[in-house]
Amino acid sequence: FLLKQHLAHIDFLLEQINDFDEEIRKKLKPHETKFKDIQSVTGVKGISAASVITEIRVDMSKFPDEARLSS
């Protein structure tokens, strides 16, 4: 019984993860070009690129230069 409950809970959590992943993809869709550009930086992949986009909102105008952004 307990094992069955744990497996059902794992299935539920995996479904939730998939739902969140899909929602993130939808939210990033309007920023797809910037998302790909950010990933062109060595060592930056999907999760890091998404984090950058959520932090700076792809609006670079609030940063006078690259050094200010990176700090």
PDB file of N, CA and C in Angstrom:
ATOM      1  N   PHE A   1       0.822  -1.201   0.000  1.00  0.00           N
ATOM      2  CA  PHE A   1       0.000   0.000   0.000  1.00  0.00           C
ATOM      3  C   PHE A   1       0.865   1.263   0.000  1.00  0.00           C
ATOM      4  N   LEU A   2       1.826   1.300   0.917  1.00  0.00           N
ATOM      5  CA  LEU A   2       2.666   2.490   1.053  1.00  0.00           C
ATOM      6  C   LEU A   2       3.487   2.735  -0.213  1.00  0.00           C
ATOM      7  N   LEU A   3       4.028   1.684  -0.781  1.00  0.00           N
ATOM      8  CA  LEU A   3       4.799   1.817  -2.015  1.00  0.00           C
ATOM      9  C   LEU A   3       3.920   2.353  -3.143  1.00  0.00           C
ATOM     10  N   LYS A   4       2.700   1.846  -3.222  1.00  0.00           N
ATOM     11  CA  LYS A   4       1.763   2.317  -4.244  1.00  0.00           C
ATOM     12  C   LYS A   4       1.489   3.808  -4.063  1.00  0.00           C
ATOM     13  N   GLN A   5       1.324   4.246  -2.825  1.00  0.00           N
ATOM     14  CA  GLN A   5       1.093   5.663  -2.540  1.00  0.00           C
ATOM     15  C   GLN A   5       2.296   6.515  -2.949  1.00  0.00           C
ATOM     16  N   HIS A   6       3.483   6.030  -2.644  1.00  0.00           N
ATOM     17  CA  HIS A   6       4.697   6.767  -3.011  1.00  0.00           C
ATOM     18  C   HIS A   6       4.835   6.867  -4.526  1.00  0.00           C
ATOM     19  N   LEU A   7       4.565   5.793  -5.216  1.00  0.00           N
ATOM     20  CA  LEU A   7       4.652   5.812  -6.680  1.00  0.00           C
ATOM     21  C   LEU A   7       3.621   6.765  -7.281  1.00  0.00           C
ATOM     22  N   ALA A   8       2.441   6.785  -6.723  1.00  0.00           N
ATOM     23  CA  ALA A   8       1.409   7.711  -7.197  1.00  0.00           C
ATOM     24  C   ALA A   8       1.841   9.157  -6.947  1.00  0.00           C
ATOM     25  N   HIS A   9       2.466   9.389  -5.814  1.00  0.00           N
ATOM     26  CA  HIS A   9       2.944  10.734  -5.498  1.00  0.00           C
ATOM     27  C   HIS A   9       4.066  11.143  -6.456  1.00  0.00           C
ATOM     28  N   ILE A  10       4.957  10.233  -6.756  1.00  0.00           N
ATOM     29  CA  ILE A  10       6.029  10.508  -7.717  1.00  0.00           C
ATOM     30  C   ILE A  10       5.437  10.840  -9.081  1.00  0.00           C
ATOM     31  N   ASP A  11       4.451  10.079  -9.512  1.00  0.00           N
ATOM     32  CA  ASP A  11       3.785  10.365 -10.792  1.00  0.00           C
ATOM     33  C   ASP A  11       3.165  11.757 -10.787  1.00  0.00           C
ATOM     34  N   PHE A  12       2.523  12.105  -9.685  1.00  0.00           N
ATOM     35  CA  PHE A  12       1.922  13.430  -9.554  1.00  0.00           C
ATOM     36  C   PHE A  12       2.992  14.517  -9.653  1.00  0.00           C
ATOM     37  N   LEU A  13       4.096  14.335  -8.949  1.00  0.00           N
ATOM     38  CA  LEU A  13       5.169  15.331  -8.974  1.00  0.00           C
ATOM     39  C   LEU A  13       5.781  15.462 -10.366  1.00  0.00           C
ATOM     40  N   LEU A  14       5.957  14.357 -11.056  1.00  0.00           N
ATOM     41  CA  LEU A  14       6.490  14.410 -12.420  1.00  0.00           C
ATOM     42  C   LEU A  14       5.542  15.161 -13.351  1.00  0.00           C
ATOM     43  N   GLU A  15       4.256  14.956 -13.158  1.00  0.00           N
ATOM     44  CA  GLU A  15       3.261  15.683 -13.951  1.00  0.00           C
ATOM     45  C   GLU A  15       3.331  17.183 -13.656  1.00  0.00           C
ATOM     46  N   GLN A  16       3.491  17.525 -12.396  1.00  0.00           N
ATOM     47  CA  GLN A  16       3.624  18.931 -12.014  1.00  0.00           C
ATOM     48  C   GLN A  16       4.876  19.556 -12.641  1.00  0.00           C
ATOM     49  N   ILE A  17       5.975  18.832 -12.632  1.00  0.00           N
ATOM     50  CA  ILE A  17       7.212  19.321 -13.248  1.00  0.00           C
ATOM     51  C   ILE A  17       6.994  19.568 -14.730  1.00  0.00           C
ATOM     52  N   ASN A  18       6.339  18.640 -15.401  1.00  0.00           N
ATOM     53  CA  ASN A  18       6.053  18.815 -16.827  1.00  0.00           C
ATOM     54  C   ASN A  18       5.163  20.032 -17.071  1.00  0.00           C
ATOM     55  N   ASP A  19       4.176  20.239 -16.213  1.00  0.00           N
ATOM     56  CA  ASP A  19       3.302  21.411 -16.335  1.00  0.00           C
ATOM     57  C   ASP A  19       4.091  22.706 -16.162  1.00  0.00           C
ATOM     58  N   PHE A  20       4.981  22.734 -15.178  1.00  0.00           N
ATOM     59  CA  PHE A  20       5.808  23.924 -14.966  1.00  0.00           C
ATOM     60  C   PHE A  20       6.735  24.162 -16.155  1.00  0.00           C
ATOM     61  N   ASP A  21       7.338  23.097 -16.665  1.00  0.00           N
ATOM     62  CA  ASP A  21       8.220  23.231 -17.832  1.00  0.00           C
ATOM     63  C   ASP A  21       7.469  23.816 -19.020  1.00  0.00           C
ATOM     64  N   GLU A  22       6.259  23.353 -19.239  1.00  0.00           N
ATOM     65  CA  GLU A  22       5.448  23.861 -20.348  1.00  0.00           C
ATOM     66  C   GLU A  22       5.105  25.335 -20.143  1.00  0.00           C
ATOM     67  N   GLU A  23       4.765  25.696 -18.927  1.00  0.00           N
ATOM     68  CA  GLU A  23       4.448  27.102 -18.625  1.00  0.00           C
ATOM     69  C   GLU A  23       5.671  27.995 -18.841  1.00  0.00           C
ATOM     70  N   ILE A  24       6.827  27.526 -18.431  1.00  0.00           N
ATOM     71  CA  ILE A  24       8.063  28.287 -18.642  1.00  0.00           C
ATOM     72  C   ILE A  24       8.319  28.465 -20.134  1.00  0.00           C
ATOM     73  N   ARG A  25       8.137  27.396 -20.914  1.00  0.00           N
ATOM     74  CA  ARG A  25       8.320  27.498 -22.376  1.00  0.00           C
ATOM     75  C   ARG A  25       7.384  28.544 -22.972  1.00  0.00           C
ATOM     76  N   LYS A  26       6.141  28.566 -22.518  1.00  0.00           N
ATOM     77  CA  LYS A  26       5.175  29.557 -23.017  1.00  0.00           C
ATOM     78  C   LYS A  26       5.615  30.977 -22.673  1.00  0.00           C
ATOM     79  N   LYS A  27       6.086  31.162 -21.448  1.00  0.00           N
ATOM     80  CA  LYS A  27       6.508  32.498 -21.009  1.00  0.00           C
ATOM     81  C   LYS A  27       7.760  32.966 -21.754  1.00  0.00           C
ATOM     82  N   LEU A  28       8.631  32.030 -22.120  1.00  0.00           N
ATOM     83  CA  LEU A  28       9.868  32.394 -22.815  1.00  0.00           C
ATOM     84  C   LEU A  28       9.673  32.592 -24.316  1.00  0.00           C
ATOM     85  N   LYS A  29       8.586  32.094 -24.859  1.00  0.00           N
ATOM     86  CA  LYS A  29       8.349  32.149 -26.306  1.00  0.00           C
ATOM     87  C   LYS A  29       8.516  33.556 -26.887  1.00  0.00           C
ATOM     88  N   PRO A  30       7.952  34.609 -26.274  1.00  0.00           N
ATOM     89  CA  PRO A  30       8.124  35.953 -26.836  1.00  0.00           C
ATOM     90  C   PRO A  30       9.580  36.431 -26.812  1.00  0.00           C
ATOM     91  N   HIS A  31      10.408  35.787 -26.005  1.00  0.00           N
ATOM     92  CA  HIS A  31      11.806  36.189 -25.846  1.00  0.00           C
ATOM     93  C   HIS A  31      12.760  35.159 -26.445  1.00  0.00           C
ATOM     94  N   GLU A  32      12.270  34.376 -27.392  1.00  0.00           N
ATOM     95  CA  GLU A  32      13.041  33.258 -27.932  1.00  0.00           C
ATOM     96  C   GLU A  32      14.388  33.694 -28.506  1.00  0.00           C
ATOM     97  N   THR A  33      14.410  34.823 -29.223  1.00  0.00           N
ATOM     98  CA  THR A  33      15.663  35.291 -29.815  1.00  0.00           C
ATOM     99  C   THR A  33      16.673  35.635 -28.729  1.00  0.00           C
ATOM    100  N   LYS A  34      16.244  36.397 -27.731  1.00  0.00           N
ATOM    101  CA  LYS A  34      17.140  36.746 -26.620  1.00  0.00           C
ATOM    102  C   LYS A  34      17.566  35.498 -25.853  1.00  0.00           C
ATOM    103  N   PHE A  35      16.645  34.570 -25.685  1.00  0.00           N
ATOM    104  CA  PHE A  35      16.940  33.320 -24.988  1.00  0.00           C
ATOM    105  C   PHE A  35      18.070  32.577 -25.691  1.00  0.00           C
ATOM    106  N   LYS A  36      18.003  32.492 -27.013  1.00  0.00           N
ATOM    107  CA  LYS A  36      19.052  31.820 -27.787  1.00  0.00           C
ATOM    108  C   LYS A  36      20.350  32.616 -27.750  1.00  0.00           C
ATOM    109  N   ASP A  37      20.249  33.949 -27.825  1.00  0.00           N
ATOM    110  CA  ASP A  37      21.448  34.790 -27.763  1.00  0.00           C
ATOM    111  C   ASP A  37      22.193  34.592 -26.446  1.00  0.00           C
ATOM    112  N   ILE A  38      21.458  34.575 -25.355  1.00  0.00           N
ATOM    113  CA  ILE A  38      22.079  34.411 -24.036  1.00  0.00           C
ATOM    114  C   ILE A  38      22.761  33.054 -23.944  1.00  0.00           C
ATOM    115  N   GLN A  39      22.169  32.031 -24.552  1.00  0.00           N
ATOM    116  CA  GLN A  39      22.761  30.697 -24.511  1.00  0.00           C
ATOM    117  C   GLN A  39      24.024  30.589 -25.360  1.00  0.00           C
ATOM    118  N   SER A  40      24.291  31.599 -26.193  1.00  0.00           N
ATOM    119  CA  SER A  40      25.520  31.570 -26.993  1.00  0.00           C
ATOM    120  C   SER A  40      26.748  31.875 -26.139  1.00  0.00           C
ATOM    121  N   VAL A  41      26.531  32.369 -24.929  1.00  0.00           N
ATOM    122  CA  VAL A  41      27.633  32.603 -23.998  1.00  0.00           C
ATOM    123  C   VAL A  41      28.107  31.244 -23.489  1.00  0.00           C
ATOM    124  N   THR A  42      29.411  31.037 -23.512  1.00  0.00           N
ATOM    125  CA  THR A  42      29.976  29.761 -23.078  1.00  0.00           C
ATOM    126  C   THR A  42      29.536  29.429 -21.654  1.00  0.00           C
ATOM    127  N   GLY A  43      29.010  28.233 -21.484  1.00  0.00           N
ATOM    128  CA  GLY A  43      28.596  27.760 -20.170  1.00  0.00           C
ATOM    129  C   GLY A  43      27.181  28.128 -19.768  1.00  0.00           C
ATOM    130  N   VAL A  44      26.496  28.917 -20.584  1.00  0.00           N
ATOM    131  CA  VAL A  44      25.121  29.313 -20.261  1.00  0.00           C
ATOM    132  C   VAL A  44      24.160  28.457 -21.075  1.00  0.00           C
ATOM    133  N   LYS A  45      23.329  27.725 -20.394  1.00  0.00           N
ATOM    134  CA  LYS A  45      22.343  26.861 -21.049  1.00  0.00           C
ATOM    135  C   LYS A  45      20.938  27.298 -20.638  1.00  0.00           C
ATOM    136  N   GLY A  46      19.968  26.466 -20.893  1.00  0.00           N
ATOM    137  CA  GLY A  46      18.561  26.814 -20.735  1.00  0.00           C
ATOM    138  C   GLY A  46      18.149  27.423 -19.414  1.00  0.00           C
ATOM    139  N   ILE A  47      18.454  26.761 -18.317  1.00  0.00           N
ATOM    140  CA  ILE A  47      18.005  27.258 -17.013  1.00  0.00           C
ATOM    141  C   ILE A  47      18.672  28.587 -16.680  1.00  0.00           C
ATOM    142  N   SER A  48      19.975  28.676 -16.935  1.00  0.00           N
ATOM    143  CA  SER A  48      20.680  29.935 -16.661  1.00  0.00           C
ATOM    144  C   SER A  48      20.155  31.057 -17.538  1.00  0.00           C
ATOM    145  N   ALA A  49      19.922  30.770 -18.810  1.00  0.00           N
ATOM    146  CA  ALA A  49      19.397  31.789 -19.727  1.00  0.00           C
ATOM    147  C   ALA A  49      18.015  32.253 -19.280  1.00  0.00           C
ATOM    148  N   ALA A  50      17.175  31.327 -18.872  1.00  0.00           N
ATOM    149  CA  ALA A  50      15.842  31.692 -18.382  1.00  0.00           C
ATOM    150  C   ALA A  50      15.949  32.546 -17.121  1.00  0.00           C
ATOM    151  N   SER A  51      16.899  32.233 -16.260  1.00  0.00           N
ATOM    152  CA  SER A  51      17.102  33.021 -15.043  1.00  0.00           C
ATOM    153  C   SER A  51      17.524  34.443 -15.374  1.00  0.00           C
ATOM    154  N   VAL A  52      18.418  34.589 -16.343  1.00  0.00           N
ATOM    155  CA  VAL A  52      18.858  35.927 -16.753  1.00  0.00           C
ATOM    156  C   VAL A  52      17.671  36.718 -17.286  1.00  0.00           C
ATOM    157  N   ILE A  53      16.875  36.090 -18.129  1.00  0.00           N
ATOM    158  CA  ILE A  53      15.713  36.777 -18.703  1.00  0.00           C
ATOM    159  C   ILE A  53      14.744  37.216 -17.610  1.00  0.00           C
ATOM    160  N   THR A  54      14.507  36.376 -16.628  1.00  0.00           N
ATOM    161  CA  THR A  54      13.577  36.764 -15.565  1.00  0.00           C
ATOM    162  C   THR A  54      14.151  37.861 -14.678  1.00  0.00           C
ATOM    163  N   GLU A  55      15.465  37.894 -14.534  1.00  0.00           N
ATOM    164  CA  GLU A  55      16.089  38.922 -13.699  1.00  0.00           C
ATOM    165  C   GLU A  55      16.116  40.282 -14.374  1.00  0.00           C
ATOM    166  N   ILE A  56      16.523  40.322 -15.653  1.00  0.00           N
ATOM    167  CA  ILE A  56      16.693  41.624 -16.316  1.00  0.00           C
ATOM    168  C   ILE A  56      15.530  41.978 -17.225  1.00  0.00           C
ATOM    169  N   ARG A  57      14.615  41.035 -17.436  1.00  0.00           N
ATOM    170  CA  ARG A  57      13.428  41.263 -18.277  1.00  0.00           C
ATOM    171  C   ARG A  57      13.796  41.650 -19.707  1.00  0.00           C
ATOM    172  N   VAL A  58      14.956  41.224 -20.184  1.00  0.00           N
ATOM    173  CA  VAL A  58      15.500  41.485 -21.530  1.00  0.00           C
ATOM    174  C   VAL A  58      15.547  42.967 -21.897  1.00  0.00           C
ATOM    175  N   ASP A  59      15.417  43.835 -20.927  1.00  0.00           N
ATOM    176  CA  ASP A  59      15.520  45.273 -21.169  1.00  0.00           C
ATOM    177  C   ASP A  59      16.902  45.737 -20.719  1.00  0.00           C
ATOM    178  N   MET A  60      17.802  45.876 -21.672  1.00  0.00           N
ATOM    179  CA  MET A  60      19.173  46.251 -21.359  1.00  0.00           C
ATOM    180  C   MET A  60      19.323  47.750 -21.107  1.00  0.00           C
ATOM    181  N   SER A  61      18.300  48.537 -21.383  1.00  0.00           N
ATOM    182  CA  SER A  61      18.415  49.992 -21.267  1.00  0.00           C
ATOM    183  C   SER A  61      18.683  50.458 -19.834  1.00  0.00           C
ATOM    184  N   LYS A  62      18.327  49.646 -18.855  1.00  0.00           N
ATOM    185  CA  LYS A  62      18.572  50.069 -17.474  1.00  0.00           C
ATOM    186  C   LYS A  62      20.019  49.843 -17.035  1.00  0.00           C
ATOM    187  N   PHE A  63      20.820  49.237 -17.913  1.00  0.00           N
ATOM    188  CA  PHE A  63      22.235  49.019 -17.633  1.00  0.00           C
ATOM    189  C   PHE A  63      23.066  49.862 -18.597  1.00  0.00           C
ATOM    190  N   PRO A  64      23.888  50.783 -18.070  1.00  0.00           N
ATOM    191  CA  PRO A  64      24.663  51.655 -18.949  1.00  0.00           C
ATOM    192  C   PRO A  64      25.665  50.899 -19.829  1.00  0.00           C
ATOM    193  N   ASP A  65      26.172  49.772 -19.332  1.00  0.00           N
ATOM    194  CA  ASP A  65      27.133  48.989 -20.117  1.00  0.00           C
ATOM    195  C   ASP A  65      27.161  47.550 -19.605  1.00  0.00           C
ATOM    196  N   GLU A  66      27.956  46.711 -20.292  1.00  0.00           N
ATOM    197  CA  GLU A  66      28.017  45.283 -19.942  1.00  0.00           C
ATOM    198  C   GLU A  66      28.543  45.061 -18.529  1.00  0.00           C
ATOM    199  N   ALA A  67      29.495  45.908 -18.117  1.00  0.00           N
ATOM    200  CA  ALA A  67      30.076  45.747 -16.785  1.00  0.00           C
ATOM    201  C   ALA A  67      29.019  45.927 -15.698  1.00  0.00           C
ATOM    202  N   ARG A  68      28.113  46.856 -15.902  1.00  0.00           N
ATOM    203  CA  ARG A  68      27.049  47.079 -14.912  1.00  0.00           C
ATOM    204  C   ARG A  68      26.097  45.887 -14.865  1.00  0.00           C
ATOM    205  N   LEU A  69      25.826  45.315 -16.011  1.00  0.00           N
ATOM    206  CA  LEU A  69      24.960  44.134 -16.052  1.00  0.00           C
ATOM    207  C   LEU A  69      25.616  42.976 -15.323  1.00  0.00           C
ATOM    208  N   SER A  70      26.883  42.738 -15.586  1.00  0.00           N
ATOM    209  CA  SER A  70      27.548  41.575 -14.999  1.00  0.00           C
ATOM    210  C   SER A  70      27.776  41.719 -13.504  1.00  0.00           C
ATOM    211  N   SER A  71      27.747  42.937 -12.999  1.00  0.00           N
ATOM    212  CA  SER A  71      27.926  43.109 -11.553  1.00  0.00           C
ATOM    213  C   SER A  71      26.600  42.861 -10.863  1.00  0.00           C
TER     214      SER A  71
END
